[in-house]
Amino acid sequence: MSEVVYYGADWCRDCRRSKALMDGLGIEYEEKNVEQVAEYATEAESISGRKNIPVIKFADGEFLVEPSDEDLKNALAKRGLVA
């Protein structure tokens, strides 16, 4: 399993923002497009208990839902994935 798993959809503005941030920081992540695969939408909802996306799950079991750029950067830094 990847250190970071990203659940999102192409039409979602918050998803595009979080994905662009991770791409810009060179973060490797597993992408699960909830629009293309219904099972991924179910997985994301079971993780967060909500239908909101993006859901970004970390290997340690913690997750973020619709994170701000600052919250996402802090979560990545906490795990040593970005300086």
Protein backbone atom coordinates (compact mmCIF):
# COMPACT_ATOMS: atom_id res chain seq x y z
CA MET A 1 0.00 0.00 0.00
CA SER A 2 1.14 3.53 -0.75
CA GLU A 3 1.99 5.92 2.07
CA VAL A 4 -0.72 8.23 0.67
CA VAL A 5 -3.99 7.24 -1.02
CA TYR A 6 -5.99 10.00 -2.73
CA TYR A 7 -9.71 9.58 -3.39
CA GLY A 8 -11.12 12.24 -5.69
CA ALA A 9 -12.73 13.13 -9.01
CA ASP A 10 -11.65 15.27 -11.97
CA TRP A 11 -14.64 17.64 -11.68
CA CYS A 12 -13.98 18.44 -8.01
CA ARG A 13 -12.18 21.76 -7.47
CA ASP A 14 -10.88 20.82 -3.98
CA CYS A 15 -9.64 17.52 -5.39
CA ARG A 16 -7.74 19.26 -8.19
CA ARG A 17 -6.20 21.67 -5.68
CA SER A 18 -5.03 18.92 -3.30
CA LYS A 19 -3.73 16.82 -6.18
CA ALA A 20 -1.84 19.79 -7.66
CA LEU A 21 -0.28 20.50 -4.27
CA MET A 22 0.94 16.90 -3.88
CA ASP A 23 2.18 16.83 -7.49
CA GLY A 24 4.03 20.12 -6.97
CA LEU A 25 5.71 18.73 -3.84
CA GLY A 26 6.70 15.51 -5.62
CA ILE A 27 4.55 13.35 -3.34
CA GLU A 28 3.95 9.81 -4.57
CA TYR A 29 0.39 8.66 -3.99
CA GLU A 30 -2.09 6.08 -5.14
CA GLU A 31 -4.97 7.74 -6.97
CA LYS A 32 -8.47 6.31 -6.72
CA ASN A 33 -10.95 8.15 -8.94
CA VAL A 34 -14.35 7.83 -7.27
CA GLU A 35 -16.16 8.86 -10.44
CA GLN A 36 -14.63 6.10 -12.55
CA VAL A 37 -14.86 3.27 -10.02
CA ALA A 38 -17.94 3.11 -7.76
CA GLU A 39 -16.07 0.87 -5.29
CA TYR A 40 -13.62 3.72 -4.63
CA ALA A 41 -16.50 6.05 -3.70
CA THR A 42 -17.70 3.42 -1.22
CA GLU A 43 -14.16 3.06 0.19
CA ALA A 44 -13.79 6.83 0.61
CA GLU A 45 -17.14 7.09 2.37
CA SER A 46 -16.30 4.19 4.69
CA ILE A 47 -13.02 5.89 5.64
CA SER A 48 -14.46 9.33 6.34
CA GLY A 49 -18.10 8.62 7.14
CA ARG A 50 -19.01 11.35 4.65
CA LYS A 51 -19.57 11.71 0.92
CA ASN A 52 -17.21 14.70 0.66
CA ILE A 53 -14.06 14.46 -1.43
CA PRO A 54 -11.14 14.53 -1.62
CA VAL A 55 -10.33 11.99 1.04
CA ILE A 56 -6.60 11.59 1.58
CA LYS A 57 -5.66 8.57 3.65
CA PHE A 58 -2.24 7.91 5.12
CA ALA A 59 -0.59 4.55 5.82
CA ASP A 60 -0.89 5.17 9.58
CA GLY A 61 -4.70 5.15 9.23
CA GLU A 62 -5.25 8.88 9.65
CA PHE A 63 -7.11 10.74 6.92
CA LEU A 64 -8.12 14.21 5.79
CA VAL A 65 -11.37 15.27 4.11
CA GLU A 66 -11.38 18.41 1.95
CA PRO A 67 -8.13 19.62 3.54
CA SER A 68 -6.83 23.14 3.14
CA ASP A 69 -3.40 23.35 1.49
CA GLU A 70 -1.90 24.18 4.89
CA ASP A 71 -3.51 21.16 6.59
CA LEU A 72 -2.37 18.85 3.80
CA LYS A 73 1.20 20.20 3.89
CA ASN A 74 1.29 19.80 7.69
CA ALA A 75 0.02 16.20 7.45
CA LEU A 76 2.64 15.37 4.83
CA ALA A 77 5.41 17.03 6.87
CA LYS A 78 4.32 15.18 10.02
CA ARG A 79 5.01 11.94 8.15
CA GLY A 80 8.35 13.12 6.80
CA LEU A 81 7.11 13.16 3.21
CA VAL A 82 7.95 16.84 2.67
CA ALA A 83 10.34 19.25 4.33
